Each structure stands twice: as structure tokens, then as C-alpha cells.
Amino acid sequence: VPMGVLSCVRYLMFIFNVLVFAGGTCLAGVGVWVAVDPAGFQDIVAAKPVLTVGAYLLLAVGIALSLLGFLGCCGALRRSRPLLLL
């Protein structure tokens, strides 16, 4: 495999992991917003009793995706196979 292809794949993995990190951070931010101020969020979305459980679920998924994206970025930059497999 030519070296240019491997370099391109490395940068594509880095960009994809940055997008996963950004998405996880946004999800965690929305989860914190809903957990702290559910009344402000209920103005946008119909009021549901499941909103508090959903807020903590969004927060947990957002943190997990952020961590996964961060470790993926580190793995892509360092060419670390264990970090990429995690």
C-alpha cells in the first residue's frame, strides 16, 4: 500500500473522530441543559415525564462519545492500534 494512501486514511480517521467528539460534546451539552433547566426545554419540545431520564441518558451517551472520539483522535495521531480498537 502506498504511503500516501495510509497518510490519507490517517487524516480521515482523525477528522471522523473529531466529528464524533464534537457530536458527543453537543449531546452532553443538551443533556446538561435539559437536566438543569427542564422548563426551558419543555417550551421547545412537548412536556413529557420521561424528560429527566432522557436528560441523563443524553448526558451519559454524550460523555461516552466524547471520550471515544478523543481516544480515537489520539490513536490516529499516534498511530496506536489499541487506542483505535478501543
N, C-alpha and C. Protein backbone atom coordinates (compact mmCIF):
# COMPACT_ATOMS: atom_id res chain seq x y z
N VAL A 1 0.85 -1.18 0.00
CA VAL A 1 0.00 0.00 0.00
C VAL A 1 0.90 1.24 0.00
N PRO A 2 0.66 2.16 -0.92
CA PRO A 2 1.48 3.38 -0.98
C PRO A 2 1.35 4.21 0.30
N MET A 3 2.41 4.93 0.61
CA MET A 3 2.45 5.73 1.84
C MET A 3 1.42 6.85 1.81
N GLY A 4 1.13 7.40 0.63
CA GLY A 4 0.16 8.49 0.53
C GLY A 4 -1.24 8.04 0.91
N VAL A 5 -1.58 6.80 0.58
CA VAL A 5 -2.90 6.27 0.93
C VAL A 5 -3.02 6.12 2.44
N LEU A 6 -1.97 5.61 3.08
CA LEU A 6 -2.00 5.45 4.53
C LEU A 6 -2.10 6.80 5.23
N SER A 7 -1.43 7.79 4.71
CA SER A 7 -1.50 9.12 5.29
C SER A 7 -2.90 9.70 5.15
N CYS A 8 -3.52 9.49 4.00
CA CYS A 8 -4.88 9.97 3.77
C CYS A 8 -5.86 9.28 4.73
N VAL A 9 -5.72 7.97 4.90
CA VAL A 9 -6.60 7.23 5.81
C VAL A 9 -6.40 7.73 7.24
N ARG A 10 -5.18 8.03 7.61
CA ARG A 10 -4.90 8.53 8.95
C ARG A 10 -5.62 9.85 9.20
N TYR A 11 -5.54 10.76 8.23
CA TYR A 11 -6.21 12.05 8.39
C TYR A 11 -7.74 11.91 8.36
N LEU A 12 -8.25 10.99 7.54
CA LEU A 12 -9.69 10.76 7.52
C LEU A 12 -10.18 10.20 8.85
N MET A 13 -9.40 9.30 9.45
CA MET A 13 -9.77 8.78 10.77
C MET A 13 -9.75 9.88 11.81
N PHE A 14 -8.78 10.76 11.72
CA PHE A 14 -8.70 11.88 12.66
C PHE A 14 -9.91 12.79 12.51
N ILE A 15 -10.26 13.13 11.28
CA ILE A 15 -11.42 14.02 11.05
C ILE A 15 -12.71 13.36 11.51
N PHE A 16 -12.88 12.07 11.23
CA PHE A 16 -14.07 11.36 11.68
C PHE A 16 -14.16 11.35 13.20
N ASN A 17 -13.05 11.12 13.88
CA ASN A 17 -13.05 11.10 15.33
C ASN A 17 -13.28 12.49 15.92
N VAL A 18 -12.83 13.53 15.25
CA VAL A 18 -13.14 14.89 15.70
C VAL A 18 -14.64 15.14 15.60
N LEU A 19 -15.27 14.65 14.53
CA LEU A 19 -16.72 14.80 14.38
C LEU A 19 -17.48 14.03 15.46
N VAL A 20 -17.00 12.83 15.79
CA VAL A 20 -17.63 12.04 16.87
C VAL A 20 -17.47 12.77 18.20
N PHE A 21 -16.29 13.34 18.44
CA PHE A 21 -16.05 14.09 19.67
C PHE A 21 -16.96 15.31 19.74
N ALA A 22 -17.10 16.03 18.64
CA ALA A 22 -17.96 17.22 18.62
C ALA A 22 -19.43 16.84 18.83
N GLY A 23 -19.86 15.76 18.21
CA GLY A 23 -21.23 15.30 18.41
C GLY A 23 -21.49 14.87 19.84
N GLY A 24 -20.54 14.18 20.44
CA GLY A 24 -20.68 13.77 21.84
C GLY A 24 -20.71 14.95 22.78
N THR A 25 -19.90 15.96 22.49
CA THR A 25 -19.89 17.16 23.31
C THR A 25 -21.23 17.90 23.19
N CYS A 26 -21.78 17.96 21.99
CA CYS A 26 -23.09 18.60 21.81
C CYS A 26 -24.19 17.83 22.54
N LEU A 27 -24.16 16.50 22.46
CA LEU A 27 -25.15 15.70 23.18
C LEU A 27 -25.03 15.90 24.68
N ALA A 28 -23.81 15.93 25.19
CA ALA A 28 -23.63 16.16 26.62
C ALA A 28 -24.12 17.54 27.01
N GLY A 29 -23.88 18.53 26.15
CA GLY A 29 -24.36 19.88 26.43
C GLY A 29 -25.88 19.95 26.49
N VAL A 30 -26.54 19.28 25.55
CA VAL A 30 -28.01 19.26 25.57
C VAL A 30 -28.50 18.51 26.80
N GLY A 31 -27.82 17.43 27.17
CA GLY A 31 -28.20 16.68 28.37
C GLY A 31 -28.08 17.52 29.63
N VAL A 32 -27.01 18.31 29.74
CA VAL A 32 -26.85 19.20 30.89
C VAL A 32 -27.92 20.27 30.88
N TRP A 33 -28.21 20.82 29.70
CA TRP A 33 -29.23 21.87 29.59
C TRP A 33 -30.59 21.35 30.04
N VAL A 34 -30.96 20.14 29.58
CA VAL A 34 -32.26 19.58 29.95
C VAL A 34 -32.30 19.23 31.43
N ALA A 35 -31.19 18.74 31.97
CA ALA A 35 -31.16 18.36 33.38
C ALA A 35 -31.24 19.59 34.29
N VAL A 36 -30.59 20.68 33.89
CA VAL A 36 -30.55 21.88 34.73
C VAL A 36 -31.81 22.72 34.57
N ASP A 37 -32.31 22.87 33.35
CA ASP A 37 -33.45 23.74 33.08
C ASP A 37 -34.49 23.01 32.24
N PRO A 38 -35.22 22.06 32.83
CA PRO A 38 -36.19 21.32 32.03
C PRO A 38 -37.35 22.18 31.54
N ALA A 39 -37.68 23.26 32.27
CA ALA A 39 -38.78 24.12 31.85
C ALA A 39 -38.44 24.84 30.54
N GLY A 40 -37.20 25.27 30.39
CA GLY A 40 -36.78 25.93 29.16
C GLY A 40 -36.80 24.99 27.98
N PHE A 41 -36.49 23.72 28.22
CA PHE A 41 -36.50 22.74 27.14
C PHE A 41 -37.92 22.32 26.81
N GLN A 42 -38.82 22.33 27.80
CA GLN A 42 -40.21 21.94 27.56
C GLN A 42 -40.94 22.96 26.71
N ASP A 43 -40.43 24.19 26.65
CA ASP A 43 -41.04 25.17 25.76
C ASP A 43 -40.80 24.79 24.30
N ILE A 44 -39.70 24.13 24.03
CA ILE A 44 -39.36 23.74 22.65
C ILE A 44 -40.02 22.41 22.30
N VAL A 45 -39.96 21.47 23.21
CA VAL A 45 -40.50 20.12 22.98
C VAL A 45 -41.70 19.93 23.89
N ALA A 46 -42.62 19.11 23.49
CA ALA A 46 -43.80 18.84 24.31
C ALA A 46 -43.38 18.27 25.66
N ALA A 47 -44.09 18.64 26.69
CA ALA A 47 -43.76 18.21 28.05
C ALA A 47 -44.02 16.71 28.20
N LYS A 48 -43.00 16.00 28.61
CA LYS A 48 -43.10 14.56 28.84
C LYS A 48 -42.50 14.24 30.20
N PRO A 49 -43.05 13.27 30.91
CA PRO A 49 -42.44 12.89 32.19
C PRO A 49 -41.12 12.14 32.03
N VAL A 50 -40.84 11.68 30.84
CA VAL A 50 -39.62 10.91 30.58
C VAL A 50 -38.43 11.86 30.36
N LEU A 51 -38.68 13.15 30.42
CA LEU A 51 -37.65 14.13 30.08
C LEU A 51 -36.43 14.04 30.99
N THR A 52 -36.62 13.79 32.28
CA THR A 52 -35.47 13.73 33.18
C THR A 52 -34.61 12.50 32.92
N VAL A 53 -35.25 11.38 32.63
CA VAL A 53 -34.49 10.17 32.31
C VAL A 53 -33.75 10.36 31.00
N GLY A 54 -34.41 10.99 30.04
CA GLY A 54 -33.78 11.26 28.75
C GLY A 54 -32.60 12.20 28.88
N ALA A 55 -32.69 13.15 29.81
CA ALA A 55 -31.58 14.09 30.02
C ALA A 55 -30.34 13.36 30.50
N TYR A 56 -30.50 12.47 31.45
CA TYR A 56 -29.34 11.74 31.96
C TYR A 56 -28.83 10.73 30.94
N LEU A 57 -29.72 10.19 30.13
CA LEU A 57 -29.29 9.29 29.07
C LEU A 57 -28.49 10.05 28.01
N LEU A 58 -28.96 11.24 27.62
CA LEU A 58 -28.21 12.07 26.69
C LEU A 58 -26.85 12.43 27.25
N LEU A 59 -26.81 12.77 28.51
CA LEU A 59 -25.55 13.13 29.17
C LEU A 59 -24.57 11.95 29.15
N ALA A 60 -25.05 10.77 29.48
CA ALA A 60 -24.17 9.59 29.52
C ALA A 60 -23.67 9.22 28.12
N VAL A 61 -24.56 9.24 27.14
CA VAL A 61 -24.16 8.91 25.77
C VAL A 61 -23.20 9.96 25.22
N GLY A 62 -23.46 11.23 25.54
CA GLY A 62 -22.58 12.31 25.09
C GLY A 62 -21.18 12.20 25.66
N ILE A 63 -21.10 11.89 26.94
CA ILE A 63 -19.78 11.72 27.57
C ILE A 63 -19.05 10.52 26.99
N ALA A 64 -19.77 9.43 26.76
CA ALA A 64 -19.15 8.23 26.18
C ALA A 64 -18.64 8.51 24.77
N LEU A 65 -19.43 9.21 23.96
CA LEU A 65 -18.99 9.53 22.60
C LEU A 65 -17.82 10.50 22.60
N SER A 66 -17.83 11.46 23.51
CA SER A 66 -16.71 12.39 23.59
C SER A 66 -15.42 11.66 23.95
N LEU A 67 -15.50 10.78 24.92
CA LEU A 67 -14.33 10.00 25.31
C LEU A 67 -13.86 9.12 24.16
N LEU A 68 -14.80 8.48 23.48
CA LEU A 68 -14.45 7.62 22.35
C LEU A 68 -13.80 8.42 21.23
N GLY A 69 -14.34 9.59 20.93
CA GLY A 69 -13.76 10.44 19.89
C GLY A 69 -12.38 10.95 20.26
N PHE A 70 -12.20 11.32 21.53
CA PHE A 70 -10.90 11.80 21.99
C PHE A 70 -9.84 10.71 21.89
N LEU A 71 -10.18 9.51 22.36
CA LEU A 71 -9.22 8.40 22.27
C LEU A 71 -8.94 8.03 20.82
N GLY A 72 -9.95 8.14 19.95
CA GLY A 72 -9.75 7.88 18.53
C GLY A 72 -8.82 8.89 17.89
N CYS A 73 -8.97 10.17 18.28
CA CYS A 73 -8.06 11.21 17.76
C CYS A 73 -6.63 10.95 18.20
N CYS A 74 -6.46 10.61 19.47
CA CYS A 74 -5.12 10.30 19.97
C CYS A 74 -4.54 9.08 19.25
N GLY A 75 -5.37 8.08 19.03
CA GLY A 75 -4.91 6.87 18.34
C GLY A 75 -4.54 7.14 16.89
N ALA A 76 -5.30 8.01 16.23
CA ALA A 76 -4.99 8.32 14.84
C ALA A 76 -3.70 9.13 14.72
N LEU A 77 -3.48 10.06 15.64
CA LEU A 77 -2.27 10.87 15.59
C LEU A 77 -1.03 10.08 15.96
N ARG A 78 -1.16 9.20 16.94
CA ARG A 78 -0.01 8.43 17.41
C ARG A 78 0.16 7.11 16.67
N ARG A 79 -0.77 6.79 15.80
CA ARG A 79 -0.79 5.51 15.09
C ARG A 79 -0.81 4.35 16.07
N SER A 80 -1.62 4.50 17.10
CA SER A 80 -1.72 3.48 18.14
C SER A 80 -2.92 2.57 17.86
N ARG A 81 -2.63 1.34 17.54
CA ARG A 81 -3.69 0.39 17.23
C ARG A 81 -4.61 0.12 18.42
N PRO A 82 -4.10 -0.05 19.66
CA PRO A 82 -5.00 -0.28 20.79
C PRO A 82 -5.99 0.86 21.03
N LEU A 83 -5.53 2.11 20.87
CA LEU A 83 -6.44 3.24 21.05
C LEU A 83 -7.50 3.27 19.97
N LEU A 84 -7.14 2.92 18.76
CA LEU A 84 -8.12 2.89 17.67
C LEU A 84 -9.10 1.74 17.82
N LEU A 85 -8.64 0.62 18.35
CA LEU A 85 -9.54 -0.50 18.56
C LEU A 85 -10.49 -0.28 19.74
N LEU A 86 -10.07 0.55 20.68
CA LEU A 86 -10.92 0.83 21.84
C LEU A 86 -12.15 1.57 21.40
